Protein backbone atom coordinates (compact mmCIF):
# COMPACT_ATOMS: atom_id res chain seq x y z
CA MET A 1 12.85 -28.99 27.09
CA PHE A 2 11.00 -28.33 23.84
CA LYS A 3 7.63 -29.39 22.50
CA THR A 4 6.90 -32.53 20.52
CA ARG A 5 7.78 -32.21 16.86
CA SER A 6 5.01 -30.63 14.83
CA THR A 7 4.66 -29.01 11.44
CA THR A 8 1.95 -28.42 8.87
CA MET A 9 4.42 -27.88 6.03
CA ALA A 10 3.98 -30.43 3.24
CA ALA A 11 7.70 -31.19 3.12
CA GLU A 12 9.95 -30.04 5.92
CA PRO A 13 13.00 -28.19 4.56
CA ARG A 14 16.37 -29.37 5.80
CA PRO A 15 19.38 -27.19 6.61
CA VAL A 16 22.52 -27.64 4.52
CA PRO A 17 24.76 -30.11 6.44
CA TRP A 18 28.11 -28.44 5.73
CA PRO A 19 27.75 -24.99 4.14
CA ASP A 20 30.61 -22.75 3.05
CA LEU A 21 30.65 -20.23 5.87
CA ARG A 22 33.23 -17.95 4.30
CA GLN A 23 30.38 -15.84 2.88
CA ARG A 24 27.04 -14.85 4.36
CA SER A 25 24.04 -16.74 3.06
CA LEU A 26 21.29 -14.65 1.48
CA GLN A 27 18.77 -17.49 1.65
CA PRO A 28 15.70 -16.11 3.47
CA GLU A 29 14.56 -17.64 6.72
CA LEU A 30 11.16 -19.29 6.87
CA MET A 31 9.95 -16.85 9.52
CA ASP A 32 10.53 -14.03 7.04
CA ALA A 33 8.19 -15.63 4.47
CA PRO A 34 4.77 -13.90 4.83
CA GLU A 35 2.90 -16.61 2.96
CA LEU A 36 4.13 -19.34 5.32
CA VAL A 37 3.26 -17.30 8.40
CA GLU A 38 -0.22 -16.63 7.02
CA GLN A 39 -0.67 -20.34 6.27
CA ASP A 40 0.30 -21.43 9.79
CA PRO A 41 0.45 -18.58 12.35
CA ASP A 42 0.94 -21.03 15.23
CA LEU A 43 4.20 -22.19 13.66
CA LEU A 44 5.70 -18.71 14.07
CA VAL A 45 4.43 -18.45 17.64
CA ARG A 46 5.96 -21.82 18.55
CA THR A 47 9.23 -20.79 16.94
CA LEU A 48 9.41 -17.46 18.78
CA LYS A 49 8.84 -19.25 22.08
CA GLU A 50 11.59 -21.74 21.26
CA ILE A 51 13.97 -18.91 20.37
CA ASP A 52 13.30 -17.48 23.84
CA ARG A 53 14.09 -20.84 25.47
CA ILE A 54 17.27 -21.27 23.42
CA ASN A 55 18.34 -17.73 24.37
CA GLN A 56 17.82 -18.53 28.04
CA LEU A 57 19.57 -21.91 27.72
CA LEU A 58 22.64 -20.46 25.97
CA GLY A 59 22.79 -17.17 27.88
CA GLY A 60 21.94 -14.98 24.90
CA HIS A 61 20.43 -12.16 26.96
CA ARG A 62 23.60 -11.82 29.02
CA CYS A 63 25.37 -10.32 25.99
CA THR A 64 22.85 -7.48 25.72
CA LEU A 65 22.76 -6.76 29.45
CA GLN A 66 26.54 -6.70 29.86
CA GLU A 67 27.06 -4.42 26.88
CA LEU A 68 24.22 -2.11 27.92
CA GLU A 69 25.64 -1.81 31.42
CA LYS A 70 28.94 -0.64 29.92
CA LEU A 71 27.13 1.84 27.67
CA LEU A 72 25.10 3.35 30.52
CA GLY A 73 28.21 3.75 32.64
CA GLY A 74 26.34 3.89 35.94
CA GLN A 75 24.26 6.95 34.98
CA ARG A 76 21.14 6.40 37.11
CA GLN A 77 20.05 10.02 37.46
CA ARG A 78 18.00 10.07 34.26
CA THR A 79 15.35 8.02 32.47
CA TRP A 80 16.73 6.11 29.51
CA ARG A 81 14.50 5.69 26.46
CA ILE A 82 15.43 2.34 24.90
CA LEU A 83 14.04 1.03 21.61
CA ASP A 84 14.34 -2.67 20.76
CA VAL A 85 14.15 -3.15 16.98
CA GLY A 86 12.92 -6.55 15.84
CA CYS A 87 11.78 -7.34 19.37
CA GLY A 88 10.01 -10.60 18.49
CA SER A 89 8.17 -11.97 21.52
CA GLY A 90 9.71 -9.26 23.70
CA ASP A 91 11.81 -11.52 25.88
CA SER A 92 14.86 -9.25 25.67
CA LEU A 93 12.90 -6.26 26.95
CA ARG A 94 11.32 -8.26 29.76
CA GLN A 95 14.79 -9.37 30.84
CA LEU A 96 15.97 -5.77 30.54
CA ALA A 97 13.05 -4.45 32.61
CA ARG A 98 13.90 -6.86 35.45
CA TRP A 99 17.59 -6.03 35.22
CA GLY A 100 16.97 -2.27 35.23
CA GLU A 101 14.70 -2.57 38.27
CA SER A 102 17.30 -4.60 40.17
CA GLN A 103 20.13 -2.21 39.26
CA GLY A 104 18.29 1.02 40.00
CA TYR A 105 18.03 2.29 36.41
CA ARG A 106 14.95 4.14 35.21
CA LEU A 107 14.12 2.69 31.81
CA SER A 108 11.40 3.60 29.33
CA LEU A 109 11.19 0.56 27.05
CA THR A 110 9.65 0.22 23.60
CA GLY A 111 9.55 -2.91 21.45
CA LEU A 112 9.20 -2.58 17.68
CA ASP A 113 8.47 -5.42 15.28
CA LEU A 114 7.06 -5.70 11.78
CA GLN A 115 5.21 -8.95 12.50
CA PRO A 116 1.76 -8.50 14.13
CA LEU A 117 1.86 -12.02 15.59
CA ALA A 118 5.12 -11.21 17.38
CA ILE A 119 3.71 -8.03 18.90
CA ASP A 120 0.53 -9.83 19.96
CA LEU A 121 2.65 -12.51 21.64
CA ALA A 122 4.84 -9.87 23.33
CA ARG A 123 1.76 -8.17 24.78
CA GLU A 124 0.30 -11.49 25.92
CA LEU A 125 3.50 -12.60 27.66
CA SER A 126 3.93 -9.20 29.33
CA ALA A 127 0.38 -8.66 30.57
CA GLY A 128 0.61 -10.55 33.87
CA ASP A 129 3.49 -8.56 35.39
CA PRO A 130 3.13 -4.86 36.33
CA LEU A 131 6.79 -4.24 35.48
CA HIS A 132 6.46 -5.80 32.04
CA ALA A 133 3.07 -4.21 31.44
CA ARG A 134 4.80 -0.80 31.28
CA ILE A 135 6.67 -1.80 28.12
CA GLN A 136 5.23 -0.22 24.99
CA TRP A 137 4.78 -2.53 21.98
CA ILE A 138 4.55 -1.13 18.44
CA CYS A 139 3.87 -3.08 15.26
CA ALA A 140 5.72 -1.24 12.50
CA ASP A 141 8.66 -1.34 10.12
CA TYR A 142 11.63 0.40 11.73
CA ARG A 143 11.96 2.48 8.55
CA ASP A 144 8.60 4.07 9.34
CA TYR A 145 9.52 4.81 12.96
CA THR A 146 10.55 8.45 13.30
CA ALA A 147 10.58 9.08 17.06
CA ASP A 148 13.92 9.61 18.77
CA CYS A 149 15.23 7.47 21.61
CA ASP A 150 18.38 7.43 23.69
CA ILE A 151 19.54 3.92 22.85
CA VAL A 152 18.70 1.50 20.05
CA ILE A 153 19.13 -2.18 20.87
CA SER A 154 18.48 -5.31 18.86
CA SER A 155 18.93 -9.01 19.48
CA LEU A 156 19.18 -11.50 16.61
CA PHE A 157 17.77 -8.92 14.21
CA CYS A 158 20.69 -7.81 12.05
CA HIS A 159 21.32 -11.22 10.49
CA HIS A 160 17.84 -11.03 8.95
CA LEU A 161 19.08 -8.08 6.86
CA ASP A 162 21.06 -8.37 3.65
CA ASP A 163 24.10 -6.12 3.28
CA ALA A 164 22.18 -3.20 1.74
CA MET A 165 19.47 -3.38 4.40
CA LEU A 166 22.09 -3.57 7.16
CA ASP A 167 23.72 -0.45 5.75
CA HIS A 168 20.35 1.32 5.83
CA PHE A 169 19.66 0.17 9.39
CA ILE A 170 22.99 1.49 10.67
CA GLY A 171 22.29 4.84 9.03
CA TRP A 172 18.82 4.87 10.55
CA LEU A 173 19.97 4.07 14.09
CA ARG A 174 22.57 6.80 13.87
CA GLN A 175 19.76 9.27 13.20
CA ARG A 176 17.29 7.93 15.78
CA ALA A 177 19.56 7.20 18.76
CA ARG A 178 20.61 10.24 20.77
CA TYR A 179 23.20 8.41 22.88
CA GLY A 180 24.25 5.00 21.59
CA PHE A 181 23.39 1.46 20.59
CA VAL A 182 23.84 -2.17 21.61
CA LEU A 183 23.36 -4.89 19.01
CA ASN A 184 23.48 -8.58 19.88
CA ASP A 185 23.90 -11.02 17.03
CA LEU A 186 25.49 -14.27 15.97
CA GLN A 187 29.03 -15.12 14.93
CA ARG A 188 29.21 -17.09 11.69
CA HIS A 189 31.25 -20.08 12.81
CA VAL A 190 31.25 -23.78 12.02
CA LEU A 191 30.87 -24.79 15.68
CA ALA A 192 27.91 -22.45 16.10
CA TYR A 193 26.30 -23.81 12.95
CA GLN A 194 26.74 -27.48 13.75
CA GLY A 195 25.90 -27.00 17.41
CA ILE A 196 22.55 -25.35 16.78
CA ARG A 197 21.78 -27.69 13.88
CA TRP A 198 22.05 -30.73 16.12
CA LEU A 199 20.45 -29.07 19.14
CA THR A 200 17.33 -28.15 17.19
CA ARG A 201 17.33 -31.40 15.21
CA TRP A 202 17.04 -33.49 18.37
CA PHE A 203 15.14 -31.21 20.74
CA SER A 204 13.10 -28.70 18.74
CA GLY A 205 9.37 -29.10 18.23
CA SER A 206 9.23 -26.49 15.46
CA ALA A 207 10.12 -27.25 11.84
CA MET A 208 10.70 -23.54 11.38
CA ALA A 209 13.25 -23.47 14.21
CA ARG A 210 15.02 -26.59 12.91
CA TYR A 211 15.55 -24.87 9.56
CA ASP A 212 15.97 -21.23 10.57
CA ALA A 213 18.31 -21.65 13.53
CA PRO A 214 21.27 -23.02 11.51
CA LEU A 215 20.48 -20.66 8.64
CA SER A 216 20.63 -17.75 11.10
CA VAL A 217 24.26 -18.64 11.80
CA TRP A 218 25.00 -18.85 8.07
CA ARG A 219 23.41 -15.42 7.58
CA ALA A 220 25.39 -13.99 10.51
CA PHE A 221 28.71 -12.17 10.63
CA HIS A 222 32.43 -12.22 10.96
CA ARG A 223 33.87 -9.44 13.10
CA ARG A 224 35.54 -7.72 10.14
CA GLU A 225 32.21 -7.55 8.29
CA LEU A 226 30.57 -5.73 11.18
CA GLN A 227 33.54 -3.40 11.52
CA ALA A 228 33.36 -2.50 7.82
CA ALA A 229 29.59 -1.98 7.90
CA PHE A 230 29.80 0.51 10.77
CA ALA A 231 32.96 2.19 9.50
CA ALA A 232 31.05 3.11 6.33
CA HIS A 233 28.97 5.40 8.57
CA GLY A 234 31.91 6.77 10.52
CA LEU A 235 31.16 4.55 13.52
CA HIS A 236 33.75 2.39 15.26
CA PRO A 237 31.93 0.43 17.98
CA GLN A 238 33.40 -2.03 20.42
CA ILE A 239 32.69 -5.56 19.18
CA THR A 240 32.98 -8.12 21.96
CA TRP A 241 32.64 -11.89 21.69
CA HIS A 242 30.23 -13.54 24.12
CA TRP A 243 29.25 -17.14 24.72
CA ALA A 244 27.66 -18.80 22.86
CA PHE A 245 29.01 -17.41 19.58
CA ARG A 246 27.54 -13.94 20.00
CA TYR A 247 28.90 -10.53 19.15
CA GLY A 248 27.95 -7.59 21.33
CA VAL A 249 28.26 -4.41 19.27
CA ARG A 250 28.36 -1.34 21.53
CA GLY A 251 28.88 2.24 20.46
CA PHE A 252 28.07 5.91 20.84
CA VAL A 253 26.56 8.07 18.11
């Protein structure tokens, strides 16, 4: 399923076996360390591809598509401008493009990511399909993105933010989105943590994925934390649990 184990890191970091999940971890993920990415760009590329495969294996995209379908409410008479923040390799938008085509929605899709390697990979993986080739890819910090859209989406992005940055992001999306938002992220839960720790330990070929995947769960959220973060901006979205240990956060602005 995954590639043979490989890493150029001198000493592979190991995830904490049994962390205290009552509080979010603020330990940064390896993929968010610029010096490591510069040292071994291929490590990030391998990890992004594995994240895509894990998403497909565990049905991660289904959360976004189901919540977006509810948000759109069958309105097919217009073109929807959708911005994916922290798009990574772009797999979510490629799934969304296929879904929109099959459901008769007109979608104008833009992927935004701070990491140049991620945007390069997104363009590469999208080039061979005319439907995917229409997706626009932008390498930029979301804080520097000032264009409006109808809907902001993100998948596995919010857990990369600390509490202050999450607060800023929610304020930003409220300004940029004209209609609503759908955020897809992880539930901080012991079964999610141990499940992904063992899955990546035995089957992952990326040292970055073996470390970051469990840490992502530790950095993730309880429902009440998401409710409080959005309530601080006067927003009260629907927060729905999806398999496997995902929260779909859907709301209007």
